[in-house]
Amino acid sequence: QVQLVESGGGLVQPGGSLKLSCTVSGTIFSVYEMGWYRQAPGKQREFLALIRENGGTPYKNNMKDRFTISRDTGKNTVYLQMNALKPEDTAVYYCHAVLVVAGTQTNYWGQGTQVTVSS
């Protein structure tokens, strides 16, 4: 069974940093793309960044100023380095992936990891 396993969330003070990780668990053929979304209380889930098979990294407007997406292809893992965090970054952060499994591209979501920015 294919799953996305996230880690790295937690409580951080304003101005601090966190690094989220998301690893593909299970047998897959390849990774088409992996990325990050977040959902704050009472708001819709929003796109943050993704990294494509060819290495392209589109970001949501202005997110690249503080957030950096990267990957370890050998480990089927994607990271989100978040710096200069603000209280408005508080949200549940979700990993998303489009994986090729048994010849078919399929969407997967992680379980979410809570990030709380507060003093």
PDB file of N, CA and C in Angstrom:
ATOM      1  N   GLN A   1       0.846  -1.184   0.000  1.00  0.00           N
ATOM      2  CA  GLN A   1       0.000   0.000   0.000  1.00  0.00           C
ATOM      3  C   GLN A   1       0.888   1.243   0.000  1.00  0.00           C
ATOM      4  N   VAL A   2       0.599   2.152  -0.892  1.00  0.00           N
ATOM      5  CA  VAL A   2       1.406   3.369  -1.019  1.00  0.00           C
ATOM      6  C   VAL A   2       0.858   4.446  -0.097  1.00  0.00           C
ATOM      7  N   GLN A   3       1.752   5.082   0.637  1.00  0.00           N
ATOM      8  CA  GLN A   3       1.364   6.160   1.539  1.00  0.00           C
ATOM      9  C   GLN A   3       2.422   7.249   1.500  1.00  0.00           C
ATOM     10  N   LEU A   4       1.991   8.443   1.896  1.00  0.00           N
ATOM     11  CA  LEU A   4       2.920   9.546   2.099  1.00  0.00           C
ATOM     12  C   LEU A   4       3.043   9.765   3.601  1.00  0.00           C
ATOM     13  N   VAL A   5       4.259   9.738   4.105  1.00  0.00           N
ATOM     14  CA  VAL A   5       4.492   9.863   5.535  1.00  0.00           C
ATOM     15  C   VAL A   5       5.194  11.196   5.792  1.00  0.00           C
ATOM     16  N   GLU A   6       4.512  12.047   6.528  1.00  0.00           N
ATOM     17  CA  GLU A   6       5.022  13.398   6.796  1.00  0.00           C
ATOM     18  C   GLU A   6       5.616  13.474   8.202  1.00  0.00           C
ATOM     19  N   SER A   7       6.543  14.405   8.365  1.00  0.00           N
ATOM     20  CA  SER A   7       7.097  14.679   9.685  1.00  0.00           C
ATOM     21  C   SER A   7       7.683  16.088   9.688  1.00  0.00           C
ATOM     22  N   GLY A   8       7.966  16.582  10.886  1.00  0.00           N
ATOM     23  CA  GLY A   8       8.669  17.849  11.005  1.00  0.00           C
ATOM     24  C   GLY A   8       7.856  19.027  11.511  1.00  0.00           C
ATOM     25  N   GLY A   9       6.555  18.849  11.666  1.00  0.00           N
ATOM     26  CA  GLY A   9       5.754  19.956  12.173  1.00  0.00           C
ATOM     27  C   GLY A   9       5.989  20.176  13.659  1.00  0.00           C
ATOM     28  N   GLY A  10       5.378  21.236  14.177  1.00  0.00           N
ATOM     29  CA  GLY A  10       5.513  21.521  15.595  1.00  0.00           C
ATOM     30  C   GLY A  10       5.227  22.967  15.911  1.00  0.00           C
ATOM     31  N   LEU A  11       5.627  23.348  17.105  1.00  0.00           N
ATOM     32  CA  LEU A  11       5.439  24.715  17.591  1.00  0.00           C
ATOM     33  C   LEU A  11       6.747  25.466  17.446  1.00  0.00           C
ATOM     34  N   VAL A  12       6.680  26.653  16.878  1.00  0.00           N
ATOM     35  CA  VAL A  12       7.875  27.468  16.686  1.00  0.00           C
ATOM     36  C   VAL A  12       7.523  28.919  16.943  1.00  0.00           C
ATOM     37  N   GLN A  13       8.474  29.671  17.419  1.00  0.00           N
ATOM     38  CA  GLN A  13       8.250  31.091  17.670  1.00  0.00           C
ATOM     39  C   GLN A  13       8.313  31.877  16.365  1.00  0.00           C
ATOM     40  N   PRO A  14       7.657  33.016  16.318  1.00  0.00           N
ATOM     41  CA  PRO A  14       7.762  33.873  15.122  1.00  0.00           C
ATOM     42  C   PRO A  14       9.224  34.178  14.802  1.00  0.00           C
ATOM     43  N   GLY A  15       9.534  34.095  13.521  1.00  0.00           N
ATOM     44  CA  GLY A  15      10.912  34.289  13.070  1.00  0.00           C
ATOM     45  C   GLY A  15      11.720  33.015  13.014  1.00  0.00           C
ATOM     46  N   GLY A  16      11.175  31.937  13.554  1.00  0.00           N
ATOM     47  CA  GLY A  16      11.884  30.672  13.570  1.00  0.00           C
ATOM     48  C   GLY A  16      11.759  29.903  12.271  1.00  0.00           C
ATOM     49  N   SER A  17      12.329  28.694  12.280  1.00  0.00           N
ATOM     50  CA  SER A  17      12.364  27.857  11.091  1.00  0.00           C
ATOM     51  C   SER A  17      11.906  26.447  11.419  1.00  0.00           C
ATOM     52  N   LEU A  18      11.365  25.789  10.421  1.00  0.00           N
ATOM     53  CA  LEU A  18      11.017  24.373  10.492  1.00  0.00           C
ATOM     54  C   LEU A  18      11.305  23.750   9.145  1.00  0.00           C
ATOM     55  N   LYS A  19      11.594  22.454   9.160  1.00  0.00           N
ATOM     56  CA  LYS A  19      11.768  21.715   7.915  1.00  0.00           C
ATOM     57  C   LYS A  19      10.848  20.513   7.941  1.00  0.00           C
ATOM     58  N   LEU A  20       9.927  20.486   6.996  1.00  0.00           N
ATOM     59  CA  LEU A  20       8.998  19.378   6.863  1.00  0.00           C
ATOM     60  C   LEU A  20       9.564  18.346   5.899  1.00  0.00           C
ATOM     61  N   SER A  21       9.227  17.080   6.157  1.00  0.00           N
ATOM     62  CA  SER A  21       9.639  15.991   5.273  1.00  0.00           C
ATOM     63  C   SER A  21       8.423  15.167   4.888  1.00  0.00           C
ATOM     64  N   CYS A  22       8.491  14.606   3.702  1.00  0.00           N
ATOM     65  CA  CYS A  22       7.419  13.715   3.229  1.00  0.00           C
ATOM     66  C   CYS A  22       8.079  12.604   2.420  1.00  0.00           C
ATOM     67  N   THR A  23       7.863  11.380   2.852  1.00  0.00           N
ATOM     68  CA  THR A  23       8.485  10.227   2.213  1.00  0.00           C
ATOM     69  C   THR A  23       7.427   9.289   1.671  1.00  0.00           C
ATOM     70  N   VAL A  24       7.669   8.788   0.473  1.00  0.00           N
ATOM     71  CA  VAL A  24       6.775   7.800  -0.112  1.00  0.00           C
ATOM     72  C   VAL A  24       7.075   6.443   0.510  1.00  0.00           C
ATOM     73  N   SER A  25       6.028   5.837   1.027  1.00  0.00           N
ATOM     74  CA  SER A  25       6.144   4.504   1.602  1.00  0.00           C
ATOM     75  C   SER A  25       5.403   3.528   0.701  1.00  0.00           C
ATOM     76  N   GLY A  26       6.024   2.406   0.377  1.00  0.00           N
ATOM     77  CA  GLY A  26       5.396   1.426  -0.501  1.00  0.00           C
ATOM     78  C   GLY A  26       6.101   1.360  -1.839  1.00  0.00           C
ATOM     79  N   THR A  27       5.627   0.471  -2.671  1.00  0.00           N
ATOM     80  CA  THR A  27       6.268   0.212  -3.956  1.00  0.00           C
ATOM     81  C   THR A  27       5.639   1.063  -5.059  1.00  0.00           C
ATOM     82  N   ILE A  28       6.474   1.854  -5.704  1.00  0.00           N
ATOM     83  CA  ILE A  28       5.994   2.679  -6.814  1.00  0.00           C
ATOM     84  C   ILE A  28       6.932   2.498  -7.996  1.00  0.00           C
ATOM     85  N   PHE A  29       6.486   2.943  -9.170  1.00  0.00           N
ATOM     86  CA  PHE A  29       7.356   2.911 -10.343  1.00  0.00           C
ATOM     87  C   PHE A  29       8.186   4.188 -10.429  1.00  0.00           C
ATOM     88  N   SER A  30       7.516   5.325 -10.225  1.00  0.00           N
ATOM     89  CA  SER A  30       8.236   6.595 -10.289  1.00  0.00           C
ATOM     90  C   SER A  30       7.408   7.707  -9.651  1.00  0.00           C
ATOM     91  N   VAL A  31       8.081   8.829  -9.424  1.00  0.00           N
ATOM     92  CA  VAL A  31       7.442  10.030  -8.891  1.00  0.00           C
ATOM     93  C   VAL A  31       7.290  11.026 -10.024  1.00  0.00           C
ATOM     94  N   TYR A  32       6.067  11.430 -10.291  1.00  0.00           N
ATOM     95  CA  TYR A  32       5.839  12.456 -11.311  1.00  0.00           C
ATOM     96  C   TYR A  32       6.050  13.851 -10.731  1.00  0.00           C
ATOM     97  N   GLU A  33       5.488  14.090  -9.573  1.00  0.00           N
ATOM     98  CA  GLU A  33       5.711  15.346  -8.877  1.00  0.00           C
ATOM     99  C   GLU A  33       5.320  15.184  -7.413  1.00  0.00           C
ATOM    100  N   MET A  34       5.919  16.023  -6.548  1.00  0.00           N
ATOM    101  CA  MET A  34       5.560  16.057  -5.136  1.00  0.00           C
ATOM    102  C   MET A  34       5.514  17.507  -4.702  1.00  0.00           C
ATOM    103  N   GLY A  35       4.632  17.796  -3.758  1.00  0.00           N
ATOM    104  CA  GLY A  35       4.510  19.180  -3.340  1.00  0.00           C
ATOM    105  C   GLY A  35       3.868  19.339  -1.986  1.00  0.00           C
ATOM    106  N   TRP A  36       3.665  20.603  -1.630  1.00  0.00           N
ATOM    107  CA  TRP A  36       3.122  20.945  -0.319  1.00  0.00           C
ATOM    108  C   TRP A  36       1.945  21.904  -0.448  1.00  0.00           C
ATOM    109  N   TYR A  37       0.947  21.670   0.392  1.00  0.00           N
ATOM    110  CA  TYR A  37      -0.211  22.523   0.553  1.00  0.00           C
ATOM    111  C   TYR A  37      -0.371  22.795   2.044  1.00  0.00           C
ATOM    112  N   ARG A  38      -1.218  23.772   2.364  1.00  0.00           N
ATOM    113  CA  ARG A  38      -1.556  23.973   3.767  1.00  0.00           C
ATOM    114  C   ARG A  38      -3.002  24.427   3.881  1.00  0.00           C
ATOM    115  N   GLN A  39      -3.548  24.189   5.062  1.00  0.00           N
ATOM    116  CA  GLN A  39      -4.919  24.597   5.336  1.00  0.00           C
ATOM    117  C   GLN A  39      -4.997  25.171   6.736  1.00  0.00           C
ATOM    118  N   ALA A  40      -5.313  26.454   6.801  1.00  0.00           N
ATOM    119  CA  ALA A  40      -5.495  27.130   8.080  1.00  0.00           C
ATOM    120  C   ALA A  40      -6.942  26.974   8.522  1.00  0.00           C
ATOM    121  N   PRO A  41      -7.206  27.118   9.813  1.00  0.00           N
ATOM    122  CA  PRO A  41      -8.589  26.970  10.303  1.00  0.00           C
ATOM    123  C   PRO A  41      -9.539  27.922   9.588  1.00  0.00           C
ATOM    124  N   GLY A  42     -10.627  27.378   9.097  1.00  0.00           N
ATOM    125  CA  GLY A  42     -11.638  28.184   8.438  1.00  0.00           C
ATOM    126  C   GLY A  42     -11.300  28.622   7.029  1.00  0.00           C
ATOM    127  N   LYS A  43     -10.189  28.123   6.498  1.00  0.00           N
ATOM    128  CA  LYS A  43      -9.775  28.521   5.149  1.00  0.00           C
ATOM    129  C   LYS A  43      -9.639  27.302   4.244  1.00  0.00           C
ATOM    130  N   GLN A  44      -9.616  27.583   2.956  1.00  0.00           N
ATOM    131  CA  GLN A  44      -9.435  26.502   1.993  1.00  0.00           C
ATOM    132  C   GLN A  44      -7.970  26.071   1.946  1.00  0.00           C
ATOM    133  N   ARG A  45      -7.790  24.836   1.524  1.00  0.00           N
ATOM    134  CA  ARG A  45      -6.428  24.347   1.342  1.00  0.00           C
ATOM    135  C   ARG A  45      -5.775  25.131   0.208  1.00  0.00           C
ATOM    136  N   GLU A  46      -4.526  25.554   0.420  1.00  0.00           N
ATOM    137  CA  GLU A  46      -3.841  26.347  -0.589  1.00  0.00           C
ATOM    138  C   GLU A  46      -2.521  25.697  -0.999  1.00  0.00           C
ATOM    139  N   PHE A  47      -2.209  25.869  -2.259  1.00  0.00           N
ATOM    140  CA  PHE A  47      -0.963  25.372  -2.821  1.00  0.00           C
ATOM    141  C   PHE A  47       0.210  26.226  -2.346  1.00  0.00           C
ATOM    142  N   LEU A  48       1.331  25.565  -2.036  1.00  0.00           N
ATOM    143  CA  LEU A  48       2.544  26.289  -1.647  1.00  0.00           C
ATOM    144  C   LEU A  48       3.658  26.131  -2.680  1.00  0.00           C
ATOM    145  N   ALA A  49       3.998  24.901  -2.983  1.00  0.00           N
ATOM    146  CA  ALA A  49       5.109  24.649  -3.903  1.00  0.00           C
ATOM    147  C   ALA A  49       5.078  23.191  -4.321  1.00  0.00           C
ATOM    148  N   LEU A  50       5.692  22.914  -5.478  1.00  0.00           N
ATOM    149  CA  LEU A  50       5.861  21.523  -5.868  1.00  0.00           C
ATOM    150  C   LEU A  50       7.183  21.384  -6.615  1.00  0.00           C
ATOM    151  N   ILE A  51       7.610  20.144  -6.731  1.00  0.00           N
ATOM    152  CA  ILE A  51       8.827  19.858  -7.478  1.00  0.00           C
ATOM    153  C   ILE A  51       8.508  18.755  -8.472  1.00  0.00           C
ATOM    154  N   ARG A  52       8.777  19.035  -9.722  1.00  0.00           N
ATOM    155  CA  ARG A  52       8.409  18.114 -10.791  1.00  0.00           C
ATOM    156  C   ARG A  52       9.532  17.109 -11.057  1.00  0.00           C
ATOM    157  N   GLU A  53       9.186  16.116 -11.833  1.00  0.00           N
ATOM    158  CA  GLU A  53      10.151  15.069 -12.191  1.00  0.00           C
ATOM    159  C   GLU A  53      11.387  15.682 -12.852  1.00  0.00           C
ATOM    160  N   ASN A  54      11.178  16.755 -13.641  1.00  0.00           N
ATOM    161  CA  ASN A  54      12.300  17.379 -14.344  1.00  0.00           C
ATOM    162  C   ASN A  54      13.039  18.403 -13.484  1.00  0.00           C
ATOM    163  N   GLY A  55      12.619  18.537 -12.215  1.00  0.00           N
ATOM    164  CA  GLY A  55      13.290  19.446 -11.299  1.00  0.00           C
ATOM    165  C   GLY A  55      12.681  20.823 -11.213  1.00  0.00           C
ATOM    166  N   GLY A  56      11.690  21.129 -12.044  1.00  0.00           N
ATOM    167  CA  GLY A  56      11.020  22.408 -11.975  1.00  0.00           C
ATOM    168  C   GLY A  56      10.318  22.601 -10.642  1.00  0.00           C
ATOM    169  N   THR A  57      10.340  23.844 -10.147  1.00  0.00           N
ATOM    170  CA  THR A  57       9.788  24.113  -8.813  1.00  0.00           C
ATOM    171  C   THR A  57       8.910  25.363  -8.826  1.00  0.00           C
ATOM    172  N   PRO A  58       7.686  25.234  -9.284  1.00  0.00           N
ATOM    173  CA  PRO A  58       6.776  26.373  -9.149  1.00  0.00           C
ATOM    174  C   PRO A  58       6.359  26.584  -7.696  1.00  0.00           C
ATOM    175  N   TYR A  59       6.226  27.846  -7.326  1.00  0.00           N
ATOM    176  CA  TYR A  59       5.808  28.228  -5.981  1.00  0.00           C
ATOM    177  C   TYR A  59       4.568  29.106  -6.070  1.00  0.00           C
ATOM    178  N   LYS A  60       3.816  29.154  -4.989  1.00  0.00           N
ATOM    179  CA  LYS A  60       2.781  30.168  -4.848  1.00  0.00           C
ATOM    180  C   LYS A  60       3.489  31.528  -4.777  1.00  0.00           C
ATOM    181  N   ASN A  61       2.780  32.553  -5.252  1.00  0.00           N
ATOM    182  CA  ASN A  61       3.356  33.901  -5.252  1.00  0.00           C
ATOM    183  C   ASN A  61       3.992  34.234  -3.908  1.00  0.00           C
ATOM    184  N   ASN A  62       5.216  34.724  -3.937  1.00  0.00           N
ATOM    185  CA  ASN A  62       5.962  35.244  -2.777  1.00  0.00           C
ATOM    186  C   ASN A  62       6.418  34.173  -1.783  1.00  0.00           C
ATOM    187  N   MET A  63       5.976  32.944  -1.953  1.00  0.00           N
ATOM    188  CA  MET A  63       6.370  31.923  -0.993  1.00  0.00           C
ATOM    189  C   MET A  63       7.863  31.624  -1.089  1.00  0.00           C
ATOM    190  N   LYS A  64       8.430  31.816  -2.269  1.00  0.00           N
ATOM    191  CA  LYS A  64       9.829  31.485  -2.457  1.00  0.00           C
ATOM    192  C   LYS A  64      10.747  32.357  -1.618  1.00  0.00           C
ATOM    193  N   ASP A  65      10.216  33.488  -1.135  1.00  0.00           N
ATOM    194  CA  ASP A  65      11.021  34.381  -0.297  1.00  0.00           C
ATOM    195  C   ASP A  65      11.423  33.696   1.005  1.00  0.00           C
ATOM    196  N   ARG A  66      10.542  32.841   1.529  1.00  0.00           N
ATOM    197  CA  ARG A  66      10.788  32.238   2.840  1.00  0.00           C
ATOM    198  C   ARG A  66      10.783  30.713   2.829  1.00  0.00           C
ATOM    199  N   PHE A  67      10.159  30.114   1.837  1.00  0.00           N
ATOM    200  CA  PHE A  67      10.019  28.655   1.781  1.00  0.00           C
ATOM    201  C   PHE A  67      10.849  28.094   0.622  1.00  0.00           C
ATOM    202  N   THR A  68      11.468  26.945   0.860  1.00  0.00           N
ATOM    203  CA  THR A  68      12.243  26.286  -0.181  1.00  0.00           C
ATOM    204  C   THR A  68      11.868  24.815  -0.240  1.00  0.00           C
ATOM    205  N   ILE A  69      11.481  24.372  -1.420  1.00  0.00           N
ATOM    206  CA  ILE A  69      11.177  22.958  -1.608  1.00  0.00           C
ATOM    207  C   ILE A  69      12.403  22.281  -2.212  1.00  0.00           C
ATOM    208  N   SER A  70      12.644  21.057  -1.755  1.00  0.00           N
ATOM    209  CA  SER A  70      13.763  20.288  -2.292  1.00  0.00           C
ATOM    210  C   SER A  70      13.409  18.805  -2.216  1.00  0.00           C
ATOM    211  N   ARG A  71      14.268  17.969  -2.773  1.00  0.00           N
ATOM    212  CA  ARG A  71      13.959  16.541  -2.779  1.00  0.00           C
ATOM    213  C   ARG A  71      15.228  15.711  -2.685  1.00  0.00           C
ATOM    214  N   ASP A  72      15.017  14.483  -2.260  1.00  0.00           N
ATOM    215  CA  ASP A  72      16.045  13.446  -2.329  1.00  0.00           C
ATOM    216  C   ASP A  72      15.422  12.329  -3.156  1.00  0.00           C
ATOM    217  N   THR A  73      15.789  12.287  -4.432  1.00  0.00           N
ATOM    218  CA  THR A  73      15.140  11.326  -5.318  1.00  0.00           C
ATOM    219  C   THR A  73      15.434   9.889  -4.919  1.00  0.00           C
ATOM    220  N   GLY A  74      16.599   9.650  -4.366  1.00  0.00           N
ATOM    221  CA  GLY A  74      16.953   8.292  -3.954  1.00  0.00           C
ATOM    222  C   GLY A  74      16.087   7.781  -2.818  1.00  0.00           C
ATOM    223  N   LYS A  75      15.578   8.712  -2.018  1.00  0.00           N
ATOM    224  CA  LYS A  75      14.739   8.342  -0.868  1.00  0.00           C
ATOM    225  C   LYS A  75      13.261   8.602  -1.134  1.00  0.00           C
ATOM    226  N   ASN A  76      12.918   9.059  -2.355  1.00  0.00           N
ATOM    227  CA  ASN A  76      11.533   9.430  -2.661  1.00  0.00           C
ATOM    228  C   ASN A  76      10.966  10.349  -1.581  1.00  0.00           C
ATOM    229  N   THR A  77      11.731  11.364  -1.242  1.00  0.00           N
ATOM    230  CA  THR A  77      11.379  12.281  -0.166  1.00  0.00           C
ATOM    231  C   THR A  77      11.427  13.716  -0.670  1.00  0.00           C
ATOM    232  N   VAL A  78      10.454  14.492  -0.235  1.00  0.00           N
ATOM    233  CA  VAL A  78      10.425  15.920  -0.533  1.00  0.00           C
ATOM    234  C   VAL A  78      10.453  16.677   0.789  1.00  0.00           C
ATOM    235  N   TYR A  79      11.097  17.831   0.762  1.00  0.00           N
ATOM    236  CA  TYR A  79      11.248  18.648   1.958  1.00  0.00           C
ATOM    237  C   TYR A  79      10.663  20.033   1.708  1.00  0.00           C
ATOM    238  N   LEU A  80      10.265  20.688   2.798  1.00  0.00           N
ATOM    239  CA  LEU A  80       9.878  22.084   2.730  1.00  0.00           C
ATOM    240  C   LEU A  80      10.593  22.802   3.870  1.00  0.00           C
ATOM    241  N   GLN A  81      11.591  23.584   3.524  1.00  0.00           N
ATOM    242  CA  GLN A  81      12.293  24.400   4.502  1.00  0.00           C
ATOM    243  C   GLN A  81      11.544  25.718   4.637  1.00  0.00           C
ATOM    244  N   MET A  82      11.129  26.034   5.854  1.00  0.00           N
ATOM    245  CA  MET A  82      10.351  27.239   6.104  1.00  0.00           C
ATOM    246  C   MET A  82      11.123  28.136   7.060  1.00  0.00           C
ATOM    247  N   ASN A  83      11.423  29.344   6.613  1.00  0.00           N
ATOM    248  CA  ASN A  83      12.173  30.305   7.414  1.00  0.00           C
ATOM    249  C   ASN A  83      11.336  31.541   7.699  1.00  0.00           C
ATOM    250  N   ALA A  84      11.786  32.315   8.681  1.00  0.00           N
ATOM    251  CA  ALA A  84      11.114  33.569   9.036  1.00  0.00           C
ATOM    252  C   ALA A  84       9.616  33.349   9.201  1.00  0.00           C
ATOM    253  N   LEU A  85       9.264  32.336   9.948  1.00  0.00           N
ATOM    254  CA  LEU A  85       7.854  31.964  10.076  1.00  0.00           C
ATOM    255  C   LEU A  85       7.061  33.042  10.802  1.00  0.00           C
ATOM    256  N   LYS A  86       5.802  33.177  10.391  1.00  0.00           N
ATOM    257  CA  LYS A  86       4.891  34.183  10.931  1.00  0.00           C
ATOM    258  C   LYS A  86       3.679  33.481  11.523  1.00  0.00           C
ATOM    259  N   PRO A  87       2.988  34.136  12.445  1.00  0.00           N
ATOM    260  CA  PRO A  87       1.774  33.509  13.004  1.00  0.00           C
ATOM    261  C   PRO A  87       0.771  33.105  11.925  1.00  0.00           C
ATOM    262  N   GLU A  88       0.704  33.849  10.850  1.00  0.00           N
ATOM    263  CA  GLU A  88      -0.233  33.504   9.781  1.00  0.00           C
ATOM    264  C   GLU A  88       0.183  32.271   8.979  1.00  0.00           C
ATOM    265  N   ASP A  89       1.362  31.739   9.258  1.00  0.00           N
ATOM    266  CA  ASP A  89       1.762  30.471   8.648  1.00  0.00           C
ATOM    267  C   ASP A  89       1.195  29.275   9.412  1.00  0.00           C
ATOM    268  N   THR A  90       0.558  29.537  10.535  1.00  0.00           N
ATOM    269  CA  THR A  90      -0.047  28.458  11.311  1.00  0.00           C
ATOM    270  C   THR A  90      -1.109  27.744  10.489  1.00  0.00           C
ATOM    271  N   ALA A  91      -0.961  26.431  10.357  1.00  0.00           N
ATOM    272  CA  ALA A  91      -1.859  25.642   9.520  1.00  0.00           C
ATOM    273  C   ALA A  91      -1.479  24.172   9.628  1.00  0.00           C
ATOM    274  N   VAL A  92      -2.328  23.332   9.056  1.00  0.00           N
ATOM    275  CA  VAL A  92      -1.948  21.942   8.824  1.00  0.00           C
ATOM    276  C   VAL A  92      -1.317  21.877   7.434  1.00  0.00           C
ATOM    277  N   TYR A  93      -0.141  21.331   7.368  1.00  0.00           N
ATOM    278  CA  TYR A  93       0.608  21.239   6.111  1.00  0.00           C
ATOM    279  C   TYR A  93       0.487  19.819   5.560  1.00  0.00           C
ATOM    280  N   TYR A  94       0.114  19.752   4.284  1.00  0.00           N
ATOM    281  CA  TYR A  94      -0.126  18.467   3.634  1.00  0.00           C
ATOM    282  C   TYR A  94       0.855  18.259   2.488  1.00  0.00           C
ATOM    283  N   CYS A  95       1.345  17.064   2.417  1.00  0.00           N
ATOM    284  CA  CYS A  95       2.156  16.643   1.281  1.00  0.00           C
ATOM    285  C   CYS A  95       1.224  16.052   0.221  1.00  0.00           C
ATOM    286  N   HIS A  96       1.522  16.337  -1.021  1.00  0.00           N
ATOM    287  CA  HIS A  96       0.761  15.779  -2.140  1.00  0.00           C
ATOM    288  C   HIS A  96       1.746  15.207  -3.148  1.00  0.00           C
ATOM    289  N   ALA A  97       1.366  14.110  -3.754  1.00  0.00           N
ATOM    290  CA  ALA A  97       2.237  13.515  -4.761  1.00  0.00           C
ATOM    291  C   ALA A  97       1.408  12.914  -5.887  1.00  0.00           C
ATOM    292  N   VAL A  98       1.961  12.988  -7.058  1.00  0.00           N
ATOM    293  CA  VAL A  98       1.439  12.248  -8.204  1.00  0.00           C
ATOM    294  C   VAL A  98       2.471  11.165  -8.495  1.00  0.00           C
ATOM    295  N   LEU A  99       2.061   9.937  -8.267  1.00  0.00           N
ATOM    296  CA  LEU A  99       2.974   8.801  -8.376  1.00  0.00           C
ATOM    297  C   LEU A  99       2.510   7.877  -9.483  1.00  0.00           C
ATOM    298  N   VAL A 100       3.477   7.236 -10.099  1.00  0.00           N
ATOM    299  CA  VAL A 100       3.154   6.215 -11.076  1.00  0.00           C
ATOM    300  C   VAL A 100       3.213   4.871 -10.364  1.00  0.00           C
ATOM    301  N   VAL A 101       2.043   4.263 -10.243  1.00  0.00           N
ATOM    302  CA  VAL A 101       1.916   2.992  -9.534  1.00  0.00           C
ATOM    303  C   VAL A 101       1.218   2.017 -10.475  1.00  0.00           C
ATOM    304  N   ALA A 102       1.849   0.896 -10.747  1.00  0.00           N
ATOM    305  CA  ALA A 102       1.287  -0.135 -11.622  1.00  0.00           C
ATOM    306  C   ALA A 102       0.830   0.470 -12.950  1.00  0.00           C
ATOM    307  N   GLY A 103       1.661   1.366 -13.494  1.00  0.00           N
ATOM    308  CA  GLY A 103       1.386   1.927 -14.805  1.00  0.00           C
ATOM    309  C   GLY A 103       0.395   3.058 -14.839  1.00  0.00           C
ATOM    310  N   THR A 104      -0.081   3.508 -13.687  1.00  0.00           N
ATOM    311  CA  THR A 104      -1.102   4.547 -13.642  1.00  0.00           C
ATOM    312  C   THR A 104      -0.645   5.701 -12.766  1.00  0.00           C
ATOM    313  N   GLN A 105      -0.871   6.941 -13.233  1.00  0.00           N
ATOM    314  CA  GLN A 105      -0.598   8.103 -12.386  1.00  0.00           C
ATOM    315  C   GLN A 105      -1.732   8.264 -11.392  1.00  0.00           C
ATOM    316  N   THR A 106      -1.379   8.375 -10.117  1.00  0.00           N
ATOM    317  CA  THR A 106      -2.378   8.450  -9.057  1.00  0.00           C
ATOM    318  C   THR A 106      -1.991   9.550  -8.081  1.00  0.00           C
ATOM    319  N   ASN A 107      -3.010  10.269  -7.590  1.00  0.00           N
ATOM    320  CA  ASN A 107      -2.789  11.310  -6.590  1.00  0.00           C
ATOM    321  C   ASN A 107      -2.817  10.713  -5.193  1.00  0.00           C
ATOM    322  N   TYR A 108      -1.879  11.201  -4.363  1.00  0.00           N
ATOM    323  CA  TYR A 108      -1.843  10.790  -2.966  1.00  0.00           C
ATOM    324  C   TYR A 108      -1.683  12.031  -2.082  1.00  0.00           C
ATOM    325  N   TRP A 109      -2.270  11.942  -0.893  1.00  0.00           N
ATOM    326  CA  TRP A 109      -2.131  12.995   0.115  1.00  0.00           C
ATOM    327  C   TRP A 109      -1.559  12.395   1.396  1.00  0.00           C
ATOM    328  N   GLY A 110      -0.724  13.170   2.065  1.00  0.00           N
ATOM    329  CA  GLY A 110      -0.273  12.792   3.383  1.00  0.00           C
ATOM    330  C   GLY A 110      -1.344  13.076   4.421  1.00  0.00           C
ATOM    331  N   GLN A 111      -1.065  12.665   5.643  1.00  0.00           N
ATOM    332  CA  GLN A 111      -2.052  12.804   6.711  1.00  0.00           C
ATOM    333  C   GLN A 111      -2.095  14.214   7.277  1.00  0.00           C
ATOM    334  N   GLY A 112      -1.103  15.013   6.953  1.00  0.00           N
ATOM    335  CA  GLY A 112      -1.044  16.382   7.463  1.00  0.00           C
ATOM    336  C   GLY A 112      -0.187  16.470   8.709  1.00  0.00           C
ATOM    337  N   THR A 113       0.525  17.568   8.829  1.00  0.00           N
ATOM    338  CA  THR A 113       1.321  17.827  10.022  1.00  0.00           C
ATOM    339  C   THR A 113       1.074  19.267  10.474  1.00  0.00           C
ATOM    340  N   GLN A 114       0.821  19.429  11.756  1.00  0.00           N
ATOM    341  CA  GLN A 114       0.455  20.745  12.292  1.00  0.00           C
ATOM    342  C   GLN A 114       1.697  21.606  12.476  1.00  0.00           C
ATOM    343  N   VAL A 115       1.614  22.819  11.985  1.00  0.00           N
ATOM    344  CA  VAL A 115       2.635  23.840  12.226  1.00  0.00           C
ATOM    345  C   VAL A 115       1.965  24.994  12.946  1.00  0.00           C
ATOM    346  N   THR A 116       2.483  25.321  14.121  1.00  0.00           N
ATOM    347  CA  THR A 116       1.941  26.421  14.909  1.00  0.00           C
ATOM    348  C   THR A 116       3.048  27.423  15.170  1.00  0.00           C
ATOM    349  N   VAL A 117       2.792  28.668  14.763  1.00  0.00           N
ATOM    350  CA  VAL A 117       3.768  29.738  14.959  1.00  0.00           C
ATOM    351  C   VAL A 117       3.204  30.689  16.008  1.00  0.00           C
ATOM    352  N   SER A 118       3.814  30.671  17.174  1.00  0.00           N
ATOM    353  CA  SER A 118       3.281  31.459  18.285  1.00  0.00           C
ATOM    354  C   SER A 118       4.378  31.710  19.310  1.00  0.00           C
ATOM    355  N   SER A 119       4.273  32.846  19.971  1.00  0.00           N
ATOM    356  CA  SER A 119       5.214  33.159  21.053  1.00  0.00           C
ATOM    357  C   SER A 119       4.629  32.736  22.400  1.00  0.00           C
TER     358      SER A 119
END
